[in-house]
PDB file of all heavy atoms in Angstrom:
ATOM      1  N   ALA A   1      58.865 -35.935  32.440  1.00  0.00           N
ATOM      2  CA  ALA A   1      58.445 -35.254  33.653  1.00  0.00           C
ATOM      3  C   ALA A   1      59.680 -34.655  34.315  1.00  0.00           C
ATOM      4  O   ALA A   1      60.797 -35.141  34.114  1.00  0.00           O
ATOM      5  CB  ALA A   1      57.747 -36.222  34.601  1.00  0.00           C
ATOM      6  N   PRO A   2      59.512 -33.604  35.122  1.00  0.00           N
ATOM      7  CA  PRO A   2      60.662 -32.980  35.792  1.00  0.00           C
ATOM      8  C   PRO A   2      61.468 -33.990  36.592  1.00  0.00           C
ATOM      9  O   PRO A   2      60.914 -34.782  37.355  1.00  0.00           O
ATOM     10  CB  PRO A   2      60.008 -31.944  36.702  1.00  0.00           C
ATOM     11  CG  PRO A   2      58.736 -31.593  36.000  1.00  0.00           C
ATOM     12  CD  PRO A   2      58.259 -32.902  35.423  1.00  0.00           C
ATOM     13  N   GLY A   3      62.787 -33.976  36.401  1.00  0.00           N
ATOM     14  CA  GLY A   3      63.660 -34.874  37.137  1.00  0.00           C
ATOM     15  C   GLY A   3      63.693 -36.301  36.636  1.00  0.00           C
ATOM     16  O   GLY A   3      64.371 -37.138  37.237  1.00  0.00           O
ATOM     17  N   LYS A   4      62.985 -36.597  35.566  1.00  0.00           N
ATOM     18  CA  LYS A   4      62.949 -37.948  35.030  1.00  0.00           C
ATOM     19  C   LYS A   4      63.440 -37.958  33.584  1.00  0.00           C
ATOM     20  O   LYS A   4      63.452 -36.927  32.912  1.00  0.00           O
ATOM     21  CB  LYS A   4      61.538 -38.528  35.103  1.00  0.00           C
ATOM     22  CG  LYS A   4      60.865 -38.359  36.447  1.00  0.00           C
ATOM     23  CD  LYS A   4      59.690 -39.297  36.624  1.00  0.00           C
ATOM     24  CE  LYS A   4      60.177 -40.700  36.950  1.00  0.00           C
ATOM     25  NZ  LYS A   4      59.071 -41.624  37.302  1.00  0.00           N
ATOM     26  N   GLN A   5      63.846 -39.130  33.119  1.00  0.00           N
ATOM     27  CA  GLN A   5      64.328 -39.226  31.747  1.00  0.00           C
ATOM     28  C   GLN A   5      63.165 -39.254  30.760  1.00  0.00           C
ATOM     29  O   GLN A   5      62.042 -39.618  31.106  1.00  0.00           O
ATOM     30  CB  GLN A   5      65.208 -40.464  31.576  1.00  0.00           C
ATOM     31  CG  GLN A   5      64.487 -41.789  31.657  1.00  0.00           C
ATOM     32  CD  GLN A   5      65.407 -42.969  31.387  1.00  0.00           C
ATOM     33  OE1 GLN A   5      66.570 -42.792  31.021  1.00  0.00           O
ATOM     34  NE2 GLN A   5      64.904 -44.171  31.555  1.00  0.00           N
ATOM     35  N   ARG A   6      63.457 -38.858  29.544  1.00  0.00           N
ATOM     36  CA  ARG A   6      62.450 -38.862  28.499  1.00  0.00           C
ATOM     37  C   ARG A   6      62.122 -40.306  28.113  1.00  0.00           C
ATOM     38  O   ARG A   6      63.018 -41.136  27.957  1.00  0.00           O
ATOM     39  CB  ARG A   6      62.956 -38.090  27.282  1.00  0.00           C
ATOM     40  CG  ARG A   6      61.921 -37.863  26.206  1.00  0.00           C
ATOM     41  CD  ARG A   6      62.429 -36.867  25.154  1.00  0.00           C
ATOM     42  NE  ARG A   6      62.693 -35.559  25.734  1.00  0.00           N
ATOM     43  CZ  ARG A   6      63.052 -34.492  25.028  1.00  0.00           C
ATOM     44  NH1 ARG A   6      63.191 -34.579  23.708  1.00  0.00           N
ATOM     45  NH2 ARG A   6      63.282 -33.341  25.642  1.00  0.00           N
ATOM     46  N   GLU A   7      60.837 -40.603  27.957  1.00  0.00           N
ATOM     47  CA  GLU A   7      60.416 -41.951  27.617  1.00  0.00           C
ATOM     48  C   GLU A   7      59.525 -41.963  26.387  1.00  0.00           C
ATOM     49  O   GLU A   7      58.773 -41.018  26.129  1.00  0.00           O
ATOM     50  CB  GLU A   7      59.675 -42.599  28.795  1.00  0.00           C
ATOM     51  CG  GLU A   7      58.352 -41.937  29.148  1.00  0.00           C
ATOM     52  CD  GLU A   7      57.552 -42.706  30.184  1.00  0.00           C
ATOM     53  OE1 GLU A   7      57.842 -43.890  30.416  1.00  0.00           O
ATOM     54  OE2 GLU A   7      56.620 -42.101  30.769  1.00  0.00           O
ATOM     55  N   LEU A   8      59.604 -43.049  25.652  1.00  0.00           N
ATOM     56  CA  LEU A   8      58.764 -43.230  24.476  1.00  0.00           C
ATOM     57  C   LEU A   8      57.348 -43.583  24.923  1.00  0.00           C
ATOM     58  O   LEU A   8      57.149 -44.516  25.689  1.00  0.00           O
ATOM     59  CB  LEU A   8      59.323 -44.336  23.588  1.00  0.00           C
ATOM     60  CG  LEU A   8      58.496 -44.709  22.355  1.00  0.00           C
ATOM     61  CD1 LEU A   8      58.446 -43.535  21.375  1.00  0.00           C
ATOM     62  CD2 LEU A   8      59.084 -45.939  21.676  1.00  0.00           C
ATOM     63  N   VAL A   9      56.370 -42.847  24.425  1.00  0.00           N
ATOM     64  CA  VAL A   9      54.974 -43.079  24.760  1.00  0.00           C
ATOM     65  C   VAL A   9      54.284 -43.908  23.690  1.00  0.00           C
ATOM     66  O   VAL A   9      53.590 -44.880  23.984  1.00  0.00           O
ATOM     67  CB  VAL A   9      54.221 -41.742  24.941  1.00  0.00           C
ATOM     68  CG1 VAL A   9      52.734 -41.986  25.202  1.00  0.00           C
ATOM     69  CG2 VAL A   9      54.834 -40.946  26.088  1.00  0.00           C
ATOM     70  N   ALA A  10      54.455 -43.512  22.445  1.00  0.00           N
ATOM     71  CA  ALA A  10      53.813 -44.204  21.333  1.00  0.00           C
ATOM     72  C   ALA A  10      54.572 -43.936  20.048  1.00  0.00           C
ATOM     73  O   ALA A  10      55.225 -42.906  19.901  1.00  0.00           O
ATOM     74  CB  ALA A  10      52.355 -43.756  21.185  1.00  0.00           C
ATOM     75  N   ARG A  11      54.465 -44.874  19.127  1.00  0.00           N
ATOM     76  CA  ARG A  11      55.150 -44.755  17.847  1.00  0.00           C
ATOM     77  C   ARG A  11      54.256 -45.301  16.758  1.00  0.00           C
ATOM     78  O   ARG A  11      53.535 -46.281  16.964  1.00  0.00           O
ATOM     79  CB  ARG A  11      56.469 -45.531  17.883  1.00  0.00           C
ATOM     80  CG  ARG A  11      57.243 -45.569  16.571  1.00  0.00           C
ATOM     81  CD  ARG A  11      58.482 -46.447  16.708  1.00  0.00           C
ATOM     82  NE  ARG A  11      59.286 -46.470  15.492  1.00  0.00           N
ATOM     83  CZ  ARG A  11      59.074 -47.281  14.464  1.00  0.00           C
ATOM     84  NH1 ARG A  11      58.065 -48.148  14.502  1.00  0.00           N
ATOM     85  NH2 ARG A  11      59.857 -47.228  13.396  1.00  0.00           N
ATOM     86  N   ILE A  12      54.303 -44.678  15.592  1.00  0.00           N
ATOM     87  CA  ILE A  12      53.555 -45.165  14.441  1.00  0.00           C
ATOM     88  C   ILE A  12      54.468 -45.138  13.230  1.00  0.00           C
ATOM     89  O   ILE A  12      55.119 -44.137  12.935  1.00  0.00           O
ATOM     90  CB  ILE A  12      52.264 -44.339  14.211  1.00  0.00           C
ATOM     91  CG1 ILE A  12      51.455 -44.936  13.051  1.00  0.00           C
ATOM     92  CG2 ILE A  12      52.571 -42.866  13.964  1.00  0.00           C
ATOM     93  CD1 ILE A  12      50.031 -44.387  12.972  1.00  0.00           C
ATOM     94  N   SER A  13      54.548 -46.255  12.534  1.00  0.00           N
ATOM     95  CA  SER A  13      55.403 -46.356  11.366  1.00  0.00           C
ATOM     96  C   SER A  13      54.748 -45.695  10.169  1.00  0.00           C
ATOM     97  O   SER A  13      53.574 -45.323  10.193  1.00  0.00           O
ATOM     98  CB  SER A  13      55.697 -47.823  11.051  1.00  0.00           C
ATOM     99  OG  SER A  13      54.548 -48.463  10.523  1.00  0.00           O
ATOM    100  N   SER A  14      55.516 -45.551   9.107  1.00  0.00           N
ATOM    101  CA  SER A  14      54.964 -44.970   7.894  1.00  0.00           C
ATOM    102  C   SER A  14      53.830 -45.818   7.331  1.00  0.00           C
ATOM    103  O   SER A  14      52.950 -45.293   6.638  1.00  0.00           O
ATOM    104  CB  SER A  14      56.072 -44.811   6.837  1.00  0.00           C
ATOM    105  OG  SER A  14      56.649 -46.061   6.511  1.00  0.00           O
ATOM    106  N   GLY A  15      53.850 -47.111   7.645  1.00  0.00           N
ATOM    107  CA  GLY A  15      52.809 -48.013   7.188  1.00  0.00           C
ATOM    108  C   GLY A  15      51.625 -48.130   8.129  1.00  0.00           C
ATOM    109  O   GLY A  15      50.677 -48.859   7.841  1.00  0.00           O
ATOM    110  N   GLY A  16      51.679 -47.438   9.268  1.00  0.00           N
ATOM    111  CA  GLY A  16      50.560 -47.435  10.198  1.00  0.00           C
ATOM    112  C   GLY A  16      50.660 -48.402  11.366  1.00  0.00           C
ATOM    113  O   GLY A  16      49.733 -48.485  12.181  1.00  0.00           O
ATOM    114  N   ASN A  17      51.753 -49.132  11.483  1.00  0.00           N
ATOM    115  CA  ASN A  17      51.932 -50.020  12.630  1.00  0.00           C
ATOM    116  C   ASN A  17      52.223 -49.197  13.873  1.00  0.00           C
ATOM    117  O   ASN A  17      52.987 -48.232  13.824  1.00  0.00           O
ATOM    118  CB  ASN A  17      53.069 -51.001  12.385  1.00  0.00           C
ATOM    119  CG  ASN A  17      52.755 -51.983  11.277  1.00  0.00           C
ATOM    120  OD1 ASN A  17      51.641 -52.498  11.194  1.00  0.00           O
ATOM    121  ND2 ASN A  17      53.724 -52.257  10.420  1.00  0.00           N
ATOM    122  N   THR A  18      51.634 -49.572  15.008  1.00  0.00           N
ATOM    123  CA  THR A  18      51.771 -48.795  16.234  1.00  0.00           C
ATOM    124  C   THR A  18      52.381 -49.590  17.372  1.00  0.00           C
ATOM    125  O   THR A  18      52.276 -50.812  17.435  1.00  0.00           O
ATOM    126  CB  THR A  18      50.407 -48.257  16.688  1.00  0.00           C
ATOM    127  OG1 THR A  18      49.509 -49.356  16.915  1.00  0.00           O
ATOM    128  CG2 THR A  18      49.810 -47.345  15.631  1.00  0.00           C
ATOM    129  N   ASN A  19      53.018 -48.850  18.281  1.00  0.00           N
ATOM    130  CA  ASN A  19      53.571 -49.407  19.511  1.00  0.00           C
ATOM    131  C   ASN A  19      53.309 -48.418  20.631  1.00  0.00           C
ATOM    132  O   ASN A  19      53.350 -47.206  20.420  1.00  0.00           O
ATOM    133  CB  ASN A  19      55.075 -49.652  19.379  1.00  0.00           C
ATOM    134  CG  ASN A  19      55.406 -50.779  18.426  1.00  0.00           C
ATOM    135  OD1 ASN A  19      55.254 -51.944  18.762  1.00  0.00           O
ATOM    136  ND2 ASN A  19      55.852 -50.425  17.227  1.00  0.00           N
ATOM    137  N   TYR A  20      53.038 -48.946  21.831  1.00  0.00           N
ATOM    138  CA  TYR A  20      52.730 -48.108  22.981  1.00  0.00           C
ATOM    139  C   TYR A  20      53.504 -48.545  24.209  1.00  0.00           C
ATOM    140  O   TYR A  20      53.802 -49.731  24.390  1.00  0.00           O
ATOM    141  CB  TYR A  20      51.242 -48.172  23.324  1.00  0.00           C
ATOM    142  CG  TYR A  20      50.327 -47.683  22.237  1.00  0.00           C
ATOM    143  CD1 TYR A  20      49.799 -48.556  21.294  1.00  0.00           C
ATOM    144  CD2 TYR A  20      49.981 -46.337  22.149  1.00  0.00           C
ATOM    145  CE1 TYR A  20      48.958 -48.104  20.292  1.00  0.00           C
ATOM    146  CE2 TYR A  20      49.137 -45.877  21.146  1.00  0.00           C
ATOM    147  CZ  TYR A  20      48.630 -46.769  20.223  1.00  0.00           C
ATOM    148  OH  TYR A  20      47.792 -46.317  19.228  1.00  0.00           O
ATOM    149  N   ALA A  21      53.803 -47.580  25.066  1.00  0.00           N
ATOM    150  CA  ALA A  21      54.352 -47.900  26.365  1.00  0.00           C
ATOM    151  C   ALA A  21      53.277 -48.620  27.171  1.00  0.00           C
ATOM    152  O   ALA A  21      52.085 -48.337  27.032  1.00  0.00           O
ATOM    153  CB  ALA A  21      54.780 -46.632  27.089  1.00  0.00           C
ATOM    154  N   ASP A  22      53.684 -49.561  28.008  1.00  0.00           N
ATOM    155  CA  ASP A  22      52.715 -50.317  28.802  1.00  0.00           C
ATOM    156  C   ASP A  22      51.823 -49.409  29.646  1.00  0.00           C
ATOM    157  O   ASP A  22      50.645 -49.710  29.861  1.00  0.00           O
ATOM    158  CB  ASP A  22      53.436 -51.308  29.711  1.00  0.00           C
ATOM    159  CG  ASP A  22      54.032 -52.473  28.948  1.00  0.00           C
ATOM    160  OD1 ASP A  22      53.607 -52.730  27.811  1.00  0.00           O
ATOM    161  OD2 ASP A  22      54.928 -53.140  29.504  1.00  0.00           O
ATOM    162  N   SER A  23      52.366 -48.307  30.111  1.00  0.00           N
ATOM    163  CA  SER A  23      51.627 -47.415  30.986  1.00  0.00           C
ATOM    164  C   SER A  23      50.461 -46.695  30.311  1.00  0.00           C
ATOM    165  O   SER A  23      49.580 -46.179  30.996  1.00  0.00           O
ATOM    166  CB  SER A  23      52.574 -46.374  31.598  1.00  0.00           C
ATOM    167  OG  SER A  23      53.199 -45.608  30.586  1.00  0.00           O
ATOM    168  N   VAL A  24      50.444 -46.672  28.978  1.00  0.00           N
ATOM    169  CA  VAL A  24      49.385 -45.954  28.272  1.00  0.00           C
ATOM    170  C   VAL A  24      48.534 -46.854  27.386  1.00  0.00           C
ATOM    171  O   VAL A  24      47.554 -46.379  26.790  1.00  0.00           O
ATOM    172  CB  VAL A  24      49.946 -44.795  27.418  1.00  0.00           C
ATOM    173  CG1 VAL A  24      50.827 -43.887  28.269  1.00  0.00           C
ATOM    174  CG2 VAL A  24      50.723 -45.324  26.214  1.00  0.00           C
ATOM    175  N   LYS A  25      48.859 -48.126  27.311  1.00  0.00           N
ATOM    176  CA  LYS A  25      48.091 -49.047  26.477  1.00  0.00           C
ATOM    177  C   LYS A  25      46.630 -49.077  26.902  1.00  0.00           C
ATOM    178  O   LYS A  25      46.318 -49.156  28.082  1.00  0.00           O
ATOM    179  CB  LYS A  25      48.675 -50.456  26.565  1.00  0.00           C
ATOM    180  CG  LYS A  25      49.960 -50.641  25.787  1.00  0.00           C
ATOM    181  CD  LYS A  25      50.471 -52.076  25.895  1.00  0.00           C
ATOM    182  CE  LYS A  25      51.748 -52.261  25.098  1.00  0.00           C
ATOM    183  NZ  LYS A  25      52.305 -53.634  25.257  1.00  0.00           N
ATOM    184  N   GLY A  26      45.751 -49.005  25.920  1.00  0.00           N
ATOM    185  CA  GLY A  26      44.328 -49.011  26.192  1.00  0.00           C
ATOM    186  C   GLY A  26      43.756 -47.647  26.470  1.00  0.00           C
ATOM    187  O   GLY A  26      42.532 -47.488  26.487  1.00  0.00           O
ATOM    188  N   ARG A  27      44.602 -46.660  26.699  1.00  0.00           N
ATOM    189  CA  ARG A  27      44.140 -45.309  26.996  1.00  0.00           C
ATOM    190  C   ARG A  27      44.528 -44.299  25.919  1.00  0.00           C
ATOM    191  O   ARG A  27      43.770 -43.376  25.635  1.00  0.00           O
ATOM    192  CB  ARG A  27      44.697 -44.833  28.343  1.00  0.00           C
ATOM    193  CG  ARG A  27      44.255 -45.684  29.524  1.00  0.00           C
ATOM    194  CD  ARG A  27      44.686 -45.051  30.846  1.00  0.00           C
ATOM    195  NE  ARG A  27      46.136 -44.935  30.964  1.00  0.00           N
ATOM    196  CZ  ARG A  27      46.798 -43.786  31.098  1.00  0.00           C
ATOM    197  NH1 ARG A  27      46.125 -42.630  31.143  1.00  0.00           N
ATOM    198  NH2 ARG A  27      48.117 -43.773  31.199  1.00  0.00           N
ATOM    199  N   PHE A  28      45.712 -44.463  25.342  1.00  0.00           N
ATOM    200  CA  PHE A  28      46.210 -43.541  24.322  1.00  0.00           C
ATOM    201  C   PHE A  28      46.149 -44.186  22.947  1.00  0.00           C
ATOM    202  O   PHE A  28      46.327 -45.400  22.802  1.00  0.00           O
ATOM    203  CB  PHE A  28      47.664 -43.152  24.603  1.00  0.00           C
ATOM    204  CG  PHE A  28      47.873 -42.279  25.805  1.00  0.00           C
ATOM    205  CD1 PHE A  28      46.863 -42.048  26.735  1.00  0.00           C
ATOM    206  CD2 PHE A  28      49.106 -41.673  26.007  1.00  0.00           C
ATOM    207  CE1 PHE A  28      47.068 -41.243  27.844  1.00  0.00           C
ATOM    208  CE2 PHE A  28      49.329 -40.862  27.111  1.00  0.00           C
ATOM    209  CZ  PHE A  28      48.310 -40.650  28.029  1.00  0.00           C
ATOM    210  N   THR A  29      45.934 -43.366  21.927  1.00  0.00           N
ATOM    211  CA  THR A  29      45.933 -43.834  20.548  1.00  0.00           C
ATOM    212  C   THR A  29      46.734 -42.870  19.677  1.00  0.00           C
ATOM    213  O   THR A  29      46.459 -41.672  19.665  1.00  0.00           O
ATOM    214  CB  THR A  29      44.506 -43.939  19.985  1.00  0.00           C
ATOM    215  OG1 THR A  29      43.723 -44.829  20.786  1.00  0.00           O
ATOM    216  CG2 THR A  29      44.539 -44.474  18.555  1.00  0.00           C
ATOM    217  N   ILE A  30      47.718 -43.402  18.973  1.00  0.00           N
ATOM    218  CA  ILE A  30      48.491 -42.586  18.056  1.00  0.00           C
ATOM    219  C   ILE A  30      47.968 -42.808  16.640  1.00  0.00           C
ATOM    220  O   ILE A  30      47.608 -43.926  16.269  1.00  0.00           O
ATOM    221  CB  ILE A  30      50.001 -42.912  18.146  1.00  0.00           C
ATOM    222  CG1 ILE A  30      50.819 -41.915  17.318  1.00  0.00           C
ATOM    223  CG2 ILE A  30      50.289 -44.347  17.719  1.00  0.00           C
ATOM    224  CD1 ILE A  30      52.329 -42.030  17.543  1.00  0.00           C
ATOM    225  N   SER A  31      47.901 -41.753  15.868  1.00  0.00           N
ATOM    226  CA  SER A  31      47.437 -41.847  14.491  1.00  0.00           C
ATOM    227  C   SER A  31      48.154 -40.794  13.661  1.00  0.00           C
ATOM    228  O   SER A  31      48.811 -39.906  14.205  1.00  0.00           O
ATOM    229  CB  SER A  31      45.918 -41.659  14.408  1.00  0.00           C
ATOM    230  OG  SER A  31      45.532 -40.381  14.881  1.00  0.00           O
ATOM    231  N   ARG A  32      48.022 -40.893  12.350  1.00  0.00           N
ATOM    232  CA  ARG A  32      48.668 -39.909  11.489  1.00  0.00           C
ATOM    233  C   ARG A  32      47.807 -39.616  10.275  1.00  0.00           C
ATOM    234  O   ARG A  32      47.034 -40.463   9.817  1.00  0.00           O
ATOM    235  CB  ARG A  32      50.064 -40.384  11.062  1.00  0.00           C
ATOM    236  CG  ARG A  32      50.085 -41.663  10.240  1.00  0.00           C
ATOM    237  CD  ARG A  32      51.504 -42.240  10.137  1.00  0.00           C
ATOM    238  NE  ARG A  32      52.382 -41.404   9.331  1.00  0.00           N
ATOM    239  CZ  ARG A  32      53.705 -41.510   9.298  1.00  0.00           C
ATOM    240  NH1 ARG A  32      54.311 -42.419  10.072  1.00  0.00           N
ATOM    241  NH2 ARG A  32      54.427 -40.712   8.520  1.00  0.00           N
ATOM    242  N   ASP A  33      47.947 -38.415   9.774  1.00  0.00           N
ATOM    243  CA  ASP A  33      47.278 -37.982   8.560  1.00  0.00           C
ATOM    244  C   ASP A  33      48.392 -37.569   7.612  1.00  0.00           C
ATOM    245  O   ASP A  33      48.935 -36.466   7.716  1.00  0.00           O
ATOM    246  CB  ASP A  33      46.331 -36.818   8.837  1.00  0.00           C
ATOM    247  CG  ASP A  33      45.523 -36.417   7.616  1.00  0.00           C
ATOM    248  OD1 ASP A  33      45.967 -36.682   6.481  1.00  0.00           O
ATOM    249  OD2 ASP A  33      44.439 -35.832   7.794  1.00  0.00           O
ATOM    250  N   ASN A  34      48.743 -38.458   6.710  1.00  0.00           N
ATOM    251  CA  ASN A  34      49.869 -38.201   5.823  1.00  0.00           C
ATOM    252  C   ASN A  34      49.635 -37.009   4.882  1.00  0.00           C
ATOM    253  O   ASN A  34      50.578 -36.320   4.503  1.00  0.00           O
ATOM    254  CB  ASN A  34      50.198 -39.452   5.012  1.00  0.00           C
ATOM    255  CG  ASN A  34      50.746 -40.566   5.877  1.00  0.00           C
ATOM    256  OD1 ASN A  34      51.388 -40.321   6.899  1.00  0.00           O
ATOM    257  ND2 ASN A  34      50.503 -41.808   5.481  1.00  0.00           N
ATOM    258  N   ALA A  35      48.387 -36.778   4.512  1.00  0.00           N
ATOM    259  CA  ALA A  35      48.072 -35.653   3.642  1.00  0.00           C
ATOM    260  C   ALA A  35      48.356 -34.321   4.325  1.00  0.00           C
ATOM    261  O   ALA A  35      48.630 -33.319   3.669  1.00  0.00           O
ATOM    262  CB  ALA A  35      46.617 -35.711   3.189  1.00  0.00           C
ATOM    263  N   LYS A  36      48.280 -34.312   5.661  1.00  0.00           N
ATOM    264  CA  LYS A  36      48.528 -33.099   6.433  1.00  0.00           C
ATOM    265  C   LYS A  36      49.890 -33.106   7.122  1.00  0.00           C
ATOM    266  O   LYS A  36      50.208 -32.171   7.856  1.00  0.00           O
ATOM    267  CB  LYS A  36      47.440 -32.915   7.489  1.00  0.00           C
ATOM    268  CG  LYS A  36      46.053 -32.703   6.920  1.00  0.00           C
ATOM    269  CD  LYS A  36      45.034 -32.509   8.032  1.00  0.00           C
ATOM    270  CE  LYS A  36      43.646 -32.254   7.466  1.00  0.00           C
ATOM    271  NZ  LYS A  36      42.633 -32.081   8.549  1.00  0.00           N
ATOM    272  N   ASN A  37      50.680 -34.150   6.893  1.00  0.00           N
ATOM    273  CA  ASN A  37      51.984 -34.286   7.542  1.00  0.00           C
ATOM    274  C   ASN A  37      51.860 -34.127   9.058  1.00  0.00           C
ATOM    275  O   ASN A  37      52.681 -33.472   9.703  1.00  0.00           O
ATOM    276  CB  ASN A  37      52.978 -33.248   6.999  1.00  0.00           C
ATOM    277  CG  ASN A  37      53.343 -33.485   5.544  1.00  0.00           C
ATOM    278  OD1 ASN A  37      53.612 -32.545   4.802  1.00  0.00           O
ATOM    279  ND2 ASN A  37      53.358 -34.747   5.127  1.00  0.00           N
ATOM    280  N   THR A  38      50.841 -34.751   9.615  1.00  0.00           N
ATOM    281  CA  THR A  38      50.519 -34.561  11.022  1.00  0.00           C
ATOM    282  C   THR A  38      50.351 -35.885  11.756  1.00  0.00           C
ATOM    283  O   THR A  38      49.787 -36.836  11.210  1.00  0.00           O
ATOM    284  CB  THR A  38      49.237 -33.730  11.170  1.00  0.00           C
ATOM    285  OG1 THR A  38      49.425 -32.451  10.547  1.00  0.00           O
ATOM    286  CG2 THR A  38      48.881 -33.522  12.636  1.00  0.00           C
ATOM    287  N   VAL A  39      50.836 -35.930  12.985  1.00  0.00           N
ATOM    288  CA  VAL A  39      50.640 -37.076  13.860  1.00  0.00           C
ATOM    289  C   VAL A  39      49.846 -36.604  15.070  1.00  0.00           C
ATOM    290  O   VAL A  39      50.017 -35.468  15.524  1.00  0.00           O
ATOM    291  CB  VAL A  39      51.982 -37.708  14.291  1.00  0.00           C
ATOM    292  CG1 VAL A  39      52.819 -36.725  15.106  1.00  0.00           C
ATOM    293  CG2 VAL A  39      51.746 -38.994  15.077  1.00  0.00           C
ATOM    294  N   TYR A  40      48.974 -37.466  15.579  1.00  0.00           N
ATOM    295  CA  TYR A  40      48.126 -37.135  16.706  1.00  0.00           C
ATOM    296  C   TYR A  40      48.337 -38.120  17.848  1.00  0.00           C
ATOM    297  O   TYR A  40      48.748 -39.254  17.633  1.00  0.00           O
ATOM    298  CB  TYR A  40      46.647 -37.187  16.317  1.00  0.00           C
ATOM    299  CG  TYR A  40      46.282 -36.328  15.134  1.00  0.00           C
ATOM    300  CD1 TYR A  40      46.256 -36.865  13.851  1.00  0.00           C
ATOM    301  CD2 TYR A  40      45.953 -34.986  15.297  1.00  0.00           C
ATOM    302  CE1 TYR A  40      45.914 -36.080  12.760  1.00  0.00           C
ATOM    303  CE2 TYR A  40      45.612 -34.198  14.205  1.00  0.00           C
ATOM    304  CZ  TYR A  40      45.589 -34.748  12.944  1.00  0.00           C
ATOM    305  OH  TYR A  40      45.249 -33.968  11.863  1.00  0.00           O
ATOM    306  N   LEU A  41      48.025 -37.676  19.041  1.00  0.00           N
ATOM    307  CA  LEU A  41      48.005 -38.556  20.196  1.00  0.00           C
ATOM    308  C   LEU A  41      46.727 -38.277  20.960  1.00  0.00           C
ATOM    309  O   LEU A  41      46.593 -37.231  21.599  1.00  0.00           O
ATOM    310  CB  LEU A  41      49.219 -38.331  21.108  1.00  0.00           C
ATOM    311  CG  LEU A  41      49.326 -39.309  22.285  1.00  0.00           C
ATOM    312  CD1 LEU A  41      49.586 -40.729  21.781  1.00  0.00           C
ATOM    313  CD2 LEU A  41      50.430 -38.885  23.250  1.00  0.00           C
ATOM    314  N   GLN A  42      45.769 -39.201  20.854  1.00  0.00           N
ATOM    315  CA  GLN A  42      44.525 -39.093  21.592  1.00  0.00           C
ATOM    316  C   GLN A  42      44.745 -39.711  22.964  1.00  0.00           C
ATOM    317  O   GLN A  42      45.058 -40.894  23.067  1.00  0.00           O
ATOM    318  CB  GLN A  42      43.396 -39.825  20.866  1.00  0.00           C
ATOM    319  CG  GLN A  42      42.058 -39.808  21.585  1.00  0.00           C
ATOM    320  CD  GLN A  42      41.464 -38.425  21.704  1.00  0.00           C
ATOM    321  OE1 GLN A  42      41.454 -37.674  20.734  1.00  0.00           O
ATOM    322  NE2 GLN A  42      40.974 -38.077  22.888  1.00  0.00           N
ATOM    323  N   MET A  43      44.576 -38.923  24.002  1.00  0.00           N
ATOM    324  CA  MET A  43      44.822 -39.370  25.370  1.00  0.00           C
ATOM    325  C   MET A  43      43.509 -39.382  26.136  1.00  0.00           C
ATOM    326  O   MET A  43      42.917 -38.332  26.381  1.00  0.00           O
ATOM    327  CB  MET A  43      45.837 -38.460  26.053  1.00  0.00           C
ATOM    328  CG  MET A  43      47.156 -38.338  25.304  1.00  0.00           C
ATOM    329  SD  MET A  43      48.383 -37.336  26.184  1.00  0.00           S
ATOM    330  CE  MET A  43      47.603 -35.728  26.071  1.00  0.00           C
ATOM    331  N   ASN A  44      43.062 -40.572  26.500  1.00  0.00           N
ATOM    332  CA  ASN A  44      41.827 -40.741  27.260  1.00  0.00           C
ATOM    333  C   ASN A  44      42.137 -41.238  28.660  1.00  0.00           C
ATOM    334  O   ASN A  44      43.207 -41.769  28.927  1.00  0.00           O
ATOM    335  CB  ASN A  44      40.898 -41.732  26.555  1.00  0.00           C
ATOM    336  CG  ASN A  44      40.459 -41.279  25.193  1.00  0.00           C
ATOM    337  OD1 ASN A  44      40.301 -40.085  24.934  1.00  0.00           O
ATOM    338  ND2 ASN A  44      40.238 -42.230  24.291  1.00  0.00           N
ATOM    339  N   SER A  45      41.170 -41.088  29.550  1.00  0.00           N
ATOM    340  CA  SER A  45      41.310 -41.550  30.932  1.00  0.00           C
ATOM    341  C   SER A  45      42.629 -41.104  31.546  1.00  0.00           C
ATOM    342  O   SER A  45      43.363 -41.895  32.138  1.00  0.00           O
ATOM    343  CB  SER A  45      41.193 -43.080  30.981  1.00  0.00           C
ATOM    344  OG  SER A  45      39.961 -43.519  30.456  1.00  0.00           O
TER     345      SER A  45
END
């Protein structure tokens, strides 16, 4: 955000293990499609 430092929101390992910032847990979901070389972030609420 403007005037603030960059923060980690979510991470997904090559094996599919995920980690989330406390502020987004339960609302955001990170996923990946290896066939498409793509990572997604579904943001709800």
